[in-house]
Amino acid sequence: MLDNIAATDNKLGNHLAGSLYDMGPEVPRDLPKPVGQWNQSRLIVKGWKVEHWLNGKKVVAADLASPEGKAMIAASKFKTWPKFATLSKGHLAFQDHGNVVSYRAIKIRELK
């Protein structure tokens, strides 16, 4: 989640709340709720296929193992990260850039 209004890294449409940072398509700037209200985010990951739903709207649909997905990674800042999108299991990371970030009701389920 990102404050699309006050964040310093909000100049590009794929650097906004809900985006696949630096890789996916532009996300509507007004989709997140105003700061101080809760947003609902749903990530669905099946293999290398990733979907992100923000407040009921699908904002990301990508297959990171496809030629298109690999091209997105190669054109992003993650191209120099040797293990980016290469490990199928591991840890979740929540990122911040020195600002207050709050999460609630995080649920993780295995999809059958």
PDB file of N, CA and C in Angstrom:
ATOM      1  N   MET A   1       0.844  -1.178   0.000  1.00  0.00           N
ATOM      2  CA  MET A   1       0.000   0.000   0.000  1.00  0.00           C
ATOM      3  C   MET A   1       0.886   1.237   0.000  1.00  0.00           C
ATOM      4  N   LEU A   2       0.393   2.237  -0.628  1.00  0.00           N
ATOM      5  CA  LEU A   2       1.163   3.465  -0.783  1.00  0.00           C
ATOM      6  C   LEU A   2       0.193   4.633  -0.758  1.00  0.00           C
ATOM      7  N   ASP A   3       0.628   5.718  -0.195  1.00  0.00           N
ATOM      8  CA  ASP A   3      -0.153   6.950  -0.250  1.00  0.00           C
ATOM      9  C   ASP A   3       0.101   7.572  -1.617  1.00  0.00           C
ATOM     10  N   ASN A   4      -0.846   7.406  -2.529  1.00  0.00           N
ATOM     11  CA  ASN A   4      -0.651   7.886  -3.894  1.00  0.00           C
ATOM     12  C   ASN A   4      -0.524   9.398  -3.989  1.00  0.00           C
ATOM     13  N   ILE A   5      -0.952  10.116  -2.979  1.00  0.00           N
ATOM     14  CA  ILE A   5      -0.908  11.580  -3.020  1.00  0.00           C
ATOM     15  C   ILE A   5       0.408  12.110  -2.460  1.00  0.00           C
ATOM     16  N   ALA A   6       0.798  11.642  -1.280  1.00  0.00           N
ATOM     17  CA  ALA A   6       1.949  12.229  -0.598  1.00  0.00           C
ATOM     18  C   ALA A   6       3.263  11.477  -0.804  1.00  0.00           C
ATOM     19  N   ALA A   7       3.227  10.282  -1.344  1.00  0.00           N
ATOM     20  CA  ALA A   7       4.463   9.518  -1.516  1.00  0.00           C
ATOM     21  C   ALA A   7       5.390  10.217  -2.504  1.00  0.00           C
ATOM     22  N   THR A   8       6.677  10.125  -2.251  1.00  0.00           N
ATOM     23  CA  THR A   8       7.631  10.754  -3.152  1.00  0.00           C
ATOM     24  C   THR A   8       7.845   9.919  -4.417  1.00  0.00           C
ATOM     25  N   ASP A   9       7.529   8.638  -4.346  1.00  0.00           N
ATOM     26  CA  ASP A   9       7.739   7.740  -5.481  1.00  0.00           C
ATOM     27  C   ASP A   9       6.403   7.441  -6.176  1.00  0.00           C
ATOM     28  N   ASN A  10       5.674   8.489  -6.534  1.00  0.00           N
ATOM     29  CA  ASN A  10       4.350   8.295  -7.127  1.00  0.00           C
ATOM     30  C   ASN A  10       4.236   8.919  -8.516  1.00  0.00           C
ATOM     31  N   LYS A  11       5.350   9.090  -9.174  1.00  0.00           N
ATOM     32  CA  LYS A  11       5.326   9.776 -10.483  1.00  0.00           C
ATOM     33  C   LYS A  11       4.905   8.856 -11.622  1.00  0.00           C
ATOM     34  N   LEU A  12       5.205   7.575 -11.517  1.00  0.00           N
ATOM     35  CA  LEU A  12       4.857   6.610 -12.560  1.00  0.00           C
ATOM     36  C   LEU A  12       3.622   5.824 -12.143  1.00  0.00           C
ATOM     37  N   GLY A  13       2.797   5.465 -13.106  1.00  0.00           N
ATOM     38  CA  GLY A  13       1.554   4.740 -12.823  1.00  0.00           C
ATOM     39  C   GLY A  13       1.760   3.344 -12.285  1.00  0.00           C
ATOM     40  N   ASN A  14       2.947   2.754 -12.522  1.00  0.00           N
ATOM     41  CA  ASN A  14       3.204   1.444 -11.939  1.00  0.00           C
ATOM     42  C   ASN A  14       4.085   1.545 -10.692  1.00  0.00           C
ATOM     43  N   HIS A  15       4.068   2.721 -10.073  1.00  0.00           N
ATOM     44  CA  HIS A  15       4.695   2.934  -8.767  1.00  0.00           C
ATOM     45  C   HIS A  15       3.630   3.354  -7.763  1.00  0.00           C
ATOM     46  N   LEU A  16       2.384   3.000  -8.012  1.00  0.00           N
ATOM     47  CA  LEU A  16       1.271   3.416  -7.155  1.00  0.00           C
ATOM     48  C   LEU A  16       0.740   2.246  -6.346  1.00  0.00           C
ATOM     49  N   ALA A  17      -0.118   2.543  -5.392  1.00  0.00           N
ATOM     50  CA  ALA A  17      -0.725   1.515  -4.557  1.00  0.00           C
ATOM     51  C   ALA A  17      -1.409   0.481  -5.425  1.00  0.00           C
ATOM     52  N   GLY A  18      -1.093  -0.772  -5.192  1.00  0.00           N
ATOM     53  CA  GLY A  18      -1.710  -1.868  -5.916  1.00  0.00           C
ATOM     54  C   GLY A  18      -0.956  -2.316  -7.145  1.00  0.00           C
ATOM     55  N   SER A  19       0.029  -1.559  -7.572  1.00  0.00           N
ATOM     56  CA  SER A  19       0.737  -1.908  -8.802  1.00  0.00           C
ATOM     57  C   SER A  19       1.739  -3.036  -8.581  1.00  0.00           C
ATOM     58  N   LEU A  20       2.103  -3.676  -9.679  1.00  0.00           N
ATOM     59  CA  LEU A  20       3.234  -4.589  -9.678  1.00  0.00           C
ATOM     60  C   LEU A  20       4.436  -3.689  -9.933  1.00  0.00           C
ATOM     61  N   TYR A  21       5.051  -3.254  -8.860  1.00  0.00           N
ATOM     62  CA  TYR A  21       5.997  -2.144  -8.874  1.00  0.00           C
ATOM     63  C   TYR A  21       7.012  -2.245 -10.002  1.00  0.00           C
ATOM     64  N   ASP A  22       7.042  -1.211 -10.799  1.00  0.00           N
ATOM     65  CA  ASP A  22       8.021  -1.030 -11.870  1.00  0.00           C
ATOM     66  C   ASP A  22       7.829  -2.011 -13.030  1.00  0.00           C
ATOM     67  N   MET A  23       6.756  -2.817 -12.995  1.00  0.00           N
ATOM     68  CA  MET A  23       6.592  -3.811 -14.054  1.00  0.00           C
ATOM     69  C   MET A  23       5.201  -3.816 -14.678  1.00  0.00           C
ATOM     70  N   GLY A  24       4.182  -3.734 -13.886  1.00  0.00           N
ATOM     71  CA  GLY A  24       2.836  -3.908 -14.398  1.00  0.00           C
ATOM     72  C   GLY A  24       2.286  -2.654 -15.048  1.00  0.00           C
ATOM     73  N   PRO A  25       1.022  -2.739 -15.454  1.00  0.00           N
ATOM     74  CA  PRO A  25       0.384  -1.571 -16.057  1.00  0.00           C
ATOM     75  C   PRO A  25       0.078  -0.502 -15.018  1.00  0.00           C
ATOM     76  N   GLU A  26      -0.294   0.654 -15.488  1.00  0.00           N
ATOM     77  CA  GLU A  26      -0.665   1.757 -14.602  1.00  0.00           C
ATOM     78  C   GLU A  26      -1.923   1.383 -13.826  1.00  0.00           C
ATOM     79  N   VAL A  27      -1.930   1.725 -12.551  1.00  0.00           N
ATOM     80  CA  VAL A  27      -3.082   1.496 -11.675  1.00  0.00           C
ATOM     81  C   VAL A  27      -3.781   2.835 -11.476  1.00  0.00           C
ATOM     82  N   PRO A  28      -5.124   2.844 -11.491  1.00  0.00           N
ATOM     83  CA  PRO A  28      -5.819   4.121 -11.276  1.00  0.00           C
ATOM     84  C   PRO A  28      -5.386   4.793  -9.971  1.00  0.00           C
ATOM     85  N   ARG A  29      -4.981   6.032 -10.069  1.00  0.00           N
ATOM     86  CA  ARG A  29      -4.459   6.792  -8.930  1.00  0.00           C
ATOM     87  C   ARG A  29      -5.494   6.937  -7.814  1.00  0.00           C
ATOM     88  N   ASP A  30      -6.785   6.963  -8.184  1.00  0.00           N
ATOM     89  CA  ASP A  30      -7.830   7.192  -7.178  1.00  0.00           C
ATOM     90  C   ASP A  30      -8.437   5.899  -6.652  1.00  0.00           C
ATOM     91  N   LEU A  31      -7.894   4.742  -6.991  1.00  0.00           N
ATOM     92  CA  LEU A  31      -8.466   3.473  -6.541  1.00  0.00           C
ATOM     93  C   LEU A  31      -8.332   3.235  -5.034  1.00  0.00           C
ATOM     94  N   PRO A  32      -7.188   3.522  -4.429  1.00  0.00           N
ATOM     95  CA  PRO A  32      -7.103   3.333  -2.981  1.00  0.00           C
ATOM     96  C   PRO A  32      -7.997   4.327  -2.253  1.00  0.00           C
ATOM     97  N   LYS A  33      -8.437   3.912  -1.078  1.00  0.00           N
ATOM     98  CA  LYS A  33      -9.216   4.812  -0.227  1.00  0.00           C
ATOM     99  C   LYS A  33      -8.287   5.864   0.359  1.00  0.00           C
ATOM    100  N   PRO A  34      -8.829   6.979   0.814  1.00  0.00           N
ATOM    101  CA  PRO A  34      -7.982   8.022   1.409  1.00  0.00           C
ATOM    102  C   PRO A  34      -7.198   7.510   2.618  1.00  0.00           C
ATOM    103  N   VAL A  35      -6.062   8.118   2.861  1.00  0.00           N
ATOM    104  CA  VAL A  35      -5.239   7.769   4.024  1.00  0.00           C
ATOM    105  C   VAL A  35      -6.101   7.821   5.270  1.00  0.00           C
ATOM    106  N   GLY A  36      -5.961   6.786   6.108  1.00  0.00           N
ATOM    107  CA  GLY A  36      -6.750   6.689   7.334  1.00  0.00           C
ATOM    108  C   GLY A  36      -7.909   5.720   7.204  1.00  0.00           C
ATOM    109  N   GLN A  37      -8.248   5.321   5.973  1.00  0.00           N
ATOM    110  CA  GLN A  37      -9.277   4.307   5.748  1.00  0.00           C
ATOM    111  C   GLN A  37      -8.601   3.020   5.296  1.00  0.00           C
ATOM    112  N   TRP A  38      -9.251   1.884   5.606  1.00  0.00           N
ATOM    113  CA  TRP A  38      -8.693   0.590   5.241  1.00  0.00           C
ATOM    114  C   TRP A  38      -9.008   0.254   3.795  1.00  0.00           C
ATOM    115  N   ASN A  39      -8.028  -0.276   3.105  1.00  0.00           N
ATOM    116  CA  ASN A  39      -8.202  -0.832   1.766  1.00  0.00           C
ATOM    117  C   ASN A  39      -8.269  -2.352   1.894  1.00  0.00           C
ATOM    118  N   GLN A  40      -8.854  -2.993   0.900  1.00  0.00           N
ATOM    119  CA  GLN A  40      -8.867  -4.448   0.866  1.00  0.00           C
ATOM    120  C   GLN A  40      -8.010  -4.901  -0.308  1.00  0.00           C
ATOM    121  N   SER A  41      -7.057  -5.757  -0.004  1.00  0.00           N
ATOM    122  CA  SER A  41      -6.137  -6.248  -1.015  1.00  0.00           C
ATOM    123  C   SER A  41      -6.185  -7.770  -1.015  1.00  0.00           C
ATOM    124  N   ARG A  42      -6.224  -8.360  -2.194  1.00  0.00           N
ATOM    125  CA  ARG A  42      -6.207  -9.821  -2.322  1.00  0.00           C
ATOM    126  C   ARG A  42      -5.156 -10.185  -3.352  1.00  0.00           C
ATOM    127  N   LEU A  43      -4.207 -11.000  -2.929  1.00  0.00           N
ATOM    128  CA  LEU A  43      -3.180 -11.530  -3.827  1.00  0.00           C
ATOM    129  C   LEU A  43      -3.483 -12.991  -4.073  1.00  0.00           C
ATOM    130  N   ILE A  44      -3.485 -13.383  -5.314  1.00  0.00           N
ATOM    131  CA  ILE A  44      -3.679 -14.788  -5.678  1.00  0.00           C
ATOM    132  C   ILE A  44      -2.459 -15.196  -6.488  1.00  0.00           C
ATOM    133  N   VAL A  45      -1.749 -16.182  -5.976  1.00  0.00           N
ATOM    134  CA  VAL A  45      -0.529 -16.644  -6.638  1.00  0.00           C
ATOM    135  C   VAL A  45      -0.665 -18.138  -6.888  1.00  0.00           C
ATOM    136  N   LYS A  46      -0.606 -18.524  -8.148  1.00  0.00           N
ATOM    137  CA  LYS A  46      -0.647 -19.930  -8.552  1.00  0.00           C
ATOM    138  C   LYS A  46       0.564 -20.163  -9.436  1.00  0.00           C
ATOM    139  N   GLY A  47       1.567 -20.822  -8.872  1.00  0.00           N
ATOM    140  CA  GLY A  47       2.824 -20.957  -9.604  1.00  0.00           C
ATOM    141  C   GLY A  47       3.407 -19.573  -9.790  1.00  0.00           C
ATOM    142  N   TRP A  48       3.635 -19.196 -11.032  1.00  0.00           N
ATOM    143  CA  TRP A  48       4.176 -17.873 -11.328  1.00  0.00           C
ATOM    144  C   TRP A  48       3.111 -16.913 -11.832  1.00  0.00           C
ATOM    145  N   LYS A  49       1.854 -17.358 -11.799  1.00  0.00           N
ATOM    146  CA  LYS A  49       0.750 -16.478 -12.192  1.00  0.00           C
ATOM    147  C   LYS A  49       0.296 -15.703 -10.966  1.00  0.00           C
ATOM    148  N   VAL A  50       0.277 -14.406 -11.102  1.00  0.00           N
ATOM    149  CA  VAL A  50      -0.010 -13.515  -9.983  1.00  0.00           C
ATOM    150  C   VAL A  50      -1.167 -12.591 -10.348  1.00  0.00           C
ATOM    151  N   GLU A  51      -2.127 -12.490  -9.422  1.00  0.00           N
ATOM    152  CA  GLU A  51      -3.202 -11.501  -9.558  1.00  0.00           C
ATOM    153  C   GLU A  51      -3.216 -10.657  -8.295  1.00  0.00           C
ATOM    154  N   HIS A  52      -3.511  -9.385  -8.453  1.00  0.00           N
ATOM    155  CA  HIS A  52      -3.715  -8.507  -7.301  1.00  0.00           C
ATOM    156  C   HIS A  52      -5.028  -7.782  -7.508  1.00  0.00           C
ATOM    157  N   TRP A  53      -5.874  -7.883  -6.506  1.00  0.00           N
ATOM    158  CA  TRP A  53      -7.163  -7.203  -6.495  1.00  0.00           C
ATOM    159  C   TRP A  53      -7.105  -6.147  -5.408  1.00  0.00           C
ATOM    160  N   LEU A  54      -7.446  -4.912  -5.734  1.00  0.00           N
ATOM    161  CA  LEU A  54      -7.450  -3.814  -4.777  1.00  0.00           C
ATOM    162  C   LEU A  54      -8.857  -3.242  -4.714  1.00  0.00           C
ATOM    163  N   ASN A  55      -9.443  -3.319  -3.543  1.00  0.00           N
ATOM    164  CA  ASN A  55     -10.809  -2.831  -3.319  1.00  0.00           C
ATOM    165  C   ASN A  55     -11.785  -3.378  -4.366  1.00  0.00           C
ATOM    166  N   GLY A  56     -11.637  -4.683  -4.652  1.00  0.00           N
ATOM    167  CA  GLY A  56     -12.562  -5.374  -5.543  1.00  0.00           C
ATOM    168  C   GLY A  56     -12.267  -5.245  -7.023  1.00  0.00           C
ATOM    169  N   LYS A  57     -11.199  -4.540  -7.402  1.00  0.00           N
ATOM    170  CA  LYS A  57     -10.860  -4.369  -8.818  1.00  0.00           C
ATOM    171  C   LYS A  57      -9.521  -5.048  -9.100  1.00  0.00           C
ATOM    172  N   LYS A  58      -9.488  -5.894 -10.156  1.00  0.00           N
ATOM    173  CA  LYS A  58      -8.231  -6.544 -10.519  1.00  0.00           C
ATOM    174  C   LYS A  58      -7.309  -5.504 -11.144  1.00  0.00           C
ATOM    175  N   VAL A  59      -6.137  -5.315 -10.526  1.00  0.00           N
ATOM    176  CA  VAL A  59      -5.192  -4.311 -11.012  1.00  0.00           C
ATOM    177  C   VAL A  59      -3.917  -4.939 -11.580  1.00  0.00           C
ATOM    178  N   VAL A  60      -3.683  -6.216 -11.258  1.00  0.00           N
ATOM    179  CA  VAL A  60      -2.511  -6.909 -11.782  1.00  0.00           C
ATOM    180  C   VAL A  60      -2.927  -8.320 -12.182  1.00  0.00           C
ATOM    181  N   ALA A  61      -2.486  -8.739 -13.333  1.00  0.00           N
ATOM    182  CA  ALA A  61      -2.602 -10.122 -13.791  1.00  0.00           C
ATOM    183  C   ALA A  61      -1.352 -10.382 -14.609  1.00  0.00           C
ATOM    184  N   ALA A  62      -0.459 -11.198 -14.083  1.00  0.00           N
ATOM    185  CA  ALA A  62       0.810 -11.433 -14.767  1.00  0.00           C
ATOM    186  C   ALA A  62       1.260 -12.865 -14.565  1.00  0.00           C
ATOM    187  N   ASP A  63       1.909 -13.393 -15.563  1.00  0.00           N
ATOM    188  CA  ASP A  63       2.566 -14.695 -15.476  1.00  0.00           C
ATOM    189  C   ASP A  63       4.059 -14.408 -15.559  1.00  0.00           C
ATOM    190  N   LEU A  64       4.724 -14.440 -14.422  1.00  0.00           N
ATOM    191  CA  LEU A  64       6.131 -14.041 -14.367  1.00  0.00           C
ATOM    192  C   LEU A  64       7.065 -15.026 -15.055  1.00  0.00           C
ATOM    193  N   ALA A  65       6.568 -16.242 -15.374  1.00  0.00           N
ATOM    194  CA  ALA A  65       7.392 -17.226 -16.073  1.00  0.00           C
ATOM    195  C   ALA A  65       7.211 -17.155 -17.587  1.00  0.00           C
ATOM    196  N   SER A  66       6.230 -16.411 -18.045  1.00  0.00           N
ATOM    197  CA  SER A  66       5.971 -16.296 -19.482  1.00  0.00           C
ATOM    198  C   SER A  66       7.008 -15.382 -20.126  1.00  0.00           C
ATOM    199  N   PRO A  67       7.117 -15.423 -21.453  1.00  0.00           N
ATOM    200  CA  PRO A  67       8.032 -14.482 -22.128  1.00  0.00           C
ATOM    201  C   PRO A  67       7.703 -13.022 -21.795  1.00  0.00           C
ATOM    202  N   GLU A  68       6.403 -12.696 -21.712  1.00  0.00           N
ATOM    203  CA  GLU A  68       6.007 -11.326 -21.366  1.00  0.00           C
ATOM    204  C   GLU A  68       6.435 -10.974 -19.939  1.00  0.00           C
ATOM    205  N   GLY A  69       6.241 -11.914 -19.005  1.00  0.00           N
ATOM    206  CA  GLY A  69       6.631 -11.687 -17.621  1.00  0.00           C
ATOM    207  C   GLY A  69       8.131 -11.514 -17.479  1.00  0.00           C
ATOM    208  N   LYS A  70       8.881 -12.350 -18.171  1.00  0.00           N
ATOM    209  CA  LYS A  70      10.347 -12.229 -18.123  1.00  0.00           C
ATOM    210  C   LYS A  70      10.814 -10.913 -18.728  1.00  0.00           C
ATOM    211  N   ALA A  71      10.116 -10.457 -19.770  1.00  0.00           N
ATOM    212  CA  ALA A  71      10.462  -9.165 -20.375  1.00  0.00           C
ATOM    213  C   ALA A  71      10.157  -8.019 -19.414  1.00  0.00           C
ATOM    214  N   MET A  72       9.052  -8.126 -18.672  1.00  0.00           N
ATOM    215  CA  MET A  72       8.727  -7.089 -17.680  1.00  0.00           C
ATOM    216  C   MET A  72       9.813  -7.014 -16.618  1.00  0.00           C
ATOM    217  N   ILE A  73      10.271  -8.177 -16.145  1.00  0.00           N
ATOM    218  CA  ILE A  73      11.329  -8.198 -15.130  1.00  0.00           C
ATOM    219  C   ILE A  73      12.616  -7.607 -15.703  1.00  0.00           C
ATOM    220  N   ALA A  74      12.953  -7.982 -16.925  1.00  0.00           N
ATOM    221  CA  ALA A  74      14.187  -7.502 -17.559  1.00  0.00           C
ATOM    222  C   ALA A  74      14.188  -5.993 -17.770  1.00  0.00           C
ATOM    223  N   ALA A  75      13.005  -5.399 -17.882  1.00  0.00           N
ATOM    224  CA  ALA A  75      12.918  -3.950 -18.091  1.00  0.00           C
ATOM    225  C   ALA A  75      12.727  -3.186 -16.782  1.00  0.00           C
ATOM    226  N   SER A  76      12.751  -3.892 -15.658  1.00  0.00           N
ATOM    227  CA  SER A  76      12.485  -3.262 -14.362  1.00  0.00           C
ATOM    228  C   SER A  76      13.766  -3.106 -13.551  1.00  0.00           C
ATOM    229  N   LYS A  77      13.619  -2.463 -12.394  1.00  0.00           N
ATOM    230  CA  LYS A  77      14.760  -2.320 -11.486  1.00  0.00           C
ATOM    231  C   LYS A  77      15.175  -3.658 -10.891  1.00  0.00           C
ATOM    232  N   PHE A  78      14.319  -4.675 -11.012  1.00  0.00           N
ATOM    233  CA  PHE A  78      14.599  -5.980 -10.421  1.00  0.00           C
ATOM    234  C   PHE A  78      15.492  -6.849 -11.304  1.00  0.00           C
ATOM    235  N   LYS A  79      15.833  -6.374 -12.485  1.00  0.00           N
ATOM    236  CA  LYS A  79      16.647  -7.164 -13.415  1.00  0.00           C
ATOM    237  C   LYS A  79      18.009  -7.518 -12.831  1.00  0.00           C
ATOM    238  N   THR A  80      18.501  -6.733 -11.882  1.00  0.00           N
ATOM    239  CA  THR A  80      19.814  -7.005 -11.289  1.00  0.00           C
ATOM    240  C   THR A  80      19.724  -7.814 -10.003  1.00  0.00           C
ATOM    241  N   TRP A  81      18.512  -8.177  -9.602  1.00  0.00           N
ATOM    242  CA  TRP A  81      18.328  -8.989  -8.400  1.00  0.00           C
ATOM    243  C   TRP A  81      18.366 -10.453  -8.818  1.00  0.00           C
ATOM    244  N   PRO A  82      19.435 -11.175  -8.539  1.00  0.00           N
ATOM    245  CA  PRO A  82      19.610 -12.517  -9.089  1.00  0.00           C
ATOM    246  C   PRO A  82      18.489 -13.504  -8.737  1.00  0.00           C
ATOM    247  N   LYS A  83      17.876 -13.379  -7.591  1.00  0.00           N
ATOM    248  CA  LYS A  83      16.860 -14.353  -7.186  1.00  0.00           C
ATOM    249  C   LYS A  83      15.432 -13.847  -7.351  1.00  0.00           C
ATOM    250  N   PHE A  84      15.253 -12.677  -7.936  1.00  0.00           N
ATOM    251  CA  PHE A  84      13.908 -12.131  -8.071  1.00  0.00           C
ATOM    252  C   PHE A  84      13.059 -13.040  -8.954  1.00  0.00           C
ATOM    253  N   ALA A  85      11.900 -13.431  -8.430  1.00  0.00           N
ATOM    254  CA  ALA A  85      10.935 -14.291  -9.142  1.00  0.00           C
ATOM    255  C   ALA A  85      11.558 -15.612  -9.572  1.00  0.00           C
ATOM    256  N   THR A  86      12.415 -16.177  -8.714  1.00  0.00           N
ATOM    257  CA  THR A  86      13.014 -17.477  -9.032  1.00  0.00           C
ATOM    258  C   THR A  86      12.729 -18.524  -7.963  1.00  0.00           C
ATOM    259  N   LEU A  87      12.261 -18.106  -6.793  1.00  0.00           N
ATOM    260  CA  LEU A  87      12.014 -19.045  -5.695  1.00  0.00           C
ATOM    261  C   LEU A  87      10.506 -19.249  -5.528  1.00  0.00           C
ATOM    262  N   SER A  88      10.075 -20.494  -5.595  1.00  0.00           N
ATOM    263  CA  SER A  88       8.631 -20.756  -5.537  1.00  0.00           C
ATOM    264  C   SER A  88       8.092 -20.817  -4.114  1.00  0.00           C
ATOM    265  N   LYS A  89       8.955 -20.913  -3.128  1.00  0.00           N
ATOM    266  CA  LYS A  89       8.516 -20.938  -1.727  1.00  0.00           C
ATOM    267  C   LYS A  89       9.462 -20.078  -0.912  1.00  0.00           C
ATOM    268  N   GLY A  90       8.938 -19.559   0.183  1.00  0.00           N
ATOM    269  CA  GLY A  90       9.800 -18.761   1.035  1.00  0.00           C
ATOM    270  C   GLY A  90       9.017 -17.863   1.953  1.00  0.00           C
ATOM    271  N   HIS A  91       9.526 -16.705   2.174  1.00  0.00           N
ATOM    272  CA  HIS A  91       8.974 -15.761   3.117  1.00  0.00           C
ATOM    273  C   HIS A  91       8.199 -14.658   2.407  1.00  0.00           C
ATOM    274  N   LEU A  92       7.287 -14.066   3.143  1.00  0.00           N
ATOM    275  CA  LEU A  92       6.603 -12.866   2.670  1.00  0.00           C
ATOM    276  C   LEU A  92       7.340 -11.661   3.235  1.00  0.00           C
ATOM    277  N   ALA A  93       7.407 -10.612   2.458  1.00  0.00           N
ATOM    278  CA  ALA A  93       8.053  -9.391   2.920  1.00  0.00           C
ATOM    279  C   ALA A  93       7.081  -8.230   2.757  1.00  0.00           C
ATOM    280  N   PHE A  94       6.963  -7.433   3.792  1.00  0.00           N
ATOM    281  CA  PHE A  94       6.158  -6.218   3.737  1.00  0.00           C
ATOM    282  C   PHE A  94       7.131  -5.057   3.749  1.00  0.00           C
ATOM    283  N   GLN A  95       7.037  -4.211   2.753  1.00  0.00           N
ATOM    284  CA  GLN A  95       8.017  -3.151   2.569  1.00  0.00           C
ATOM    285  C   GLN A  95       7.443  -1.799   2.964  1.00  0.00           C
ATOM    286  N   ASP A  96       8.298  -0.974   3.506  1.00  0.00           N
ATOM    287  CA  ASP A  96       7.951   0.424   3.735  1.00  0.00           C
ATOM    288  C   ASP A  96       9.168   1.252   3.352  1.00  0.00           C
ATOM    289  N   HIS A  97       8.971   2.516   3.240  1.00  0.00           N
ATOM    290  CA  HIS A  97      10.080   3.419   2.910  1.00  0.00           C
ATOM    291  C   HIS A  97      10.217   4.467   3.999  1.00  0.00           C
ATOM    292  N   GLY A  98      10.183   4.003   5.261  1.00  0.00           N
ATOM    293  CA  GLY A  98      10.358   4.913   6.374  1.00  0.00           C
ATOM    294  C   GLY A  98       9.080   5.587   6.841  1.00  0.00           C
ATOM    295  N   ASN A  99       7.946   5.180   6.285  1.00  0.00           N
ATOM    296  CA  ASN A  99       6.667   5.753   6.684  1.00  0.00           C
ATOM    297  C   ASN A  99       5.867   4.742   7.496  1.00  0.00           C
ATOM    298  N   VAL A 100       4.873   5.216   8.197  1.00  0.00           N
ATOM    299  CA  VAL A 100       4.007   4.328   8.969  1.00  0.00           C
ATOM    300  C   VAL A 100       3.150   3.515   8.002  1.00  0.00           C
ATOM    301  N   VAL A 101       3.119   2.206   8.206  1.00  0.00           N
ATOM    302  CA  VAL A 101       2.296   1.305   7.403  1.00  0.00           C
ATOM    303  C   VAL A 101       1.550   0.401   8.372  1.00  0.00           C
ATOM    304  N   SER A 102       0.263   0.199   8.148  1.00  0.00           N
ATOM    305  CA  SER A 102      -0.535  -0.658   9.023  1.00  0.00           C
ATOM    306  C   SER A 102      -1.263  -1.703   8.195  1.00  0.00           C
ATOM    307  N   TYR A 103      -1.290  -2.918   8.705  1.00  0.00           N
ATOM    308  CA  TYR A 103      -2.017  -4.018   8.090  1.00  0.00           C
ATOM    309  C   TYR A 103      -2.915  -4.631   9.152  1.00  0.00           C
ATOM    310  N   ARG A 104      -4.032  -5.201   8.734  1.00  0.00           N
ATOM    311  CA  ARG A 104      -4.880  -5.929   9.667  1.00  0.00           C
ATOM    312  C   ARG A 104      -5.509  -7.106   8.926  1.00  0.00           C
ATOM    313  N   ALA A 105      -5.849  -8.119   9.676  1.00  0.00           N
ATOM    314  CA  ALA A 105      -6.562  -9.289   9.163  1.00  0.00           C
ATOM    315  C   ALA A 105      -5.839  -9.938   7.981  1.00  0.00           C
ATOM    316  N   ILE A 106      -4.541 -10.160   8.120  1.00  0.00           N
ATOM    317  CA  ILE A 106      -3.790 -10.826   7.062  1.00  0.00           C
ATOM    318  C   ILE A 106      -4.073 -12.315   7.175  1.00  0.00           C
ATOM    319  N   LYS A 107      -4.497 -12.911   6.062  1.00  0.00           N
ATOM    320  CA  LYS A 107      -4.789 -14.349   6.018  1.00  0.00           C
ATOM    321  C   LYS A 107      -4.031 -14.966   4.865  1.00  0.00           C
ATOM    322  N   ILE A 108      -3.446 -16.113   5.120  1.00  0.00           N
ATOM    323  CA  ILE A 108      -2.715 -16.834   4.087  1.00  0.00           C
ATOM    324  C   ILE A 108      -3.346 -18.204   3.971  1.00  0.00           C
ATOM    325  N   ARG A 109      -3.756 -18.554   2.758  1.00  0.00           N
ATOM    326  CA  ARG A 109      -4.365 -19.863   2.510  1.00  0.00           C
ATOM    327  C   ARG A 109      -3.652 -20.532   1.354  1.00  0.00           C
ATOM    328  N   GLU A 110      -3.521 -21.842   1.448  1.00  0.00           N
ATOM    329  CA  GLU A 110      -2.997 -22.598   0.323  1.00  0.00           C
ATOM    330  C   GLU A 110      -4.158 -22.905  -0.619  1.00  0.00           C
ATOM    331  N   LEU A 111      -3.947 -22.631  -1.887  1.00  0.00           N
ATOM    332  CA  LEU A 111      -4.957 -22.908  -2.906  1.00  0.00           C
ATOM    333  C   LEU A 111      -4.790 -24.326  -3.419  1.00  0.00           C
ATOM    334  N   LYS A 112      -5.871 -25.019  -3.529  1.00  0.00           N
ATOM    335  CA  LYS A 112      -5.823 -26.408  -4.040  1.00  0.00           C
ATOM    336  C   LYS A 112      -6.150 -26.417  -5.509  1.00  0.00           C
TER     337      LYS A 112
END
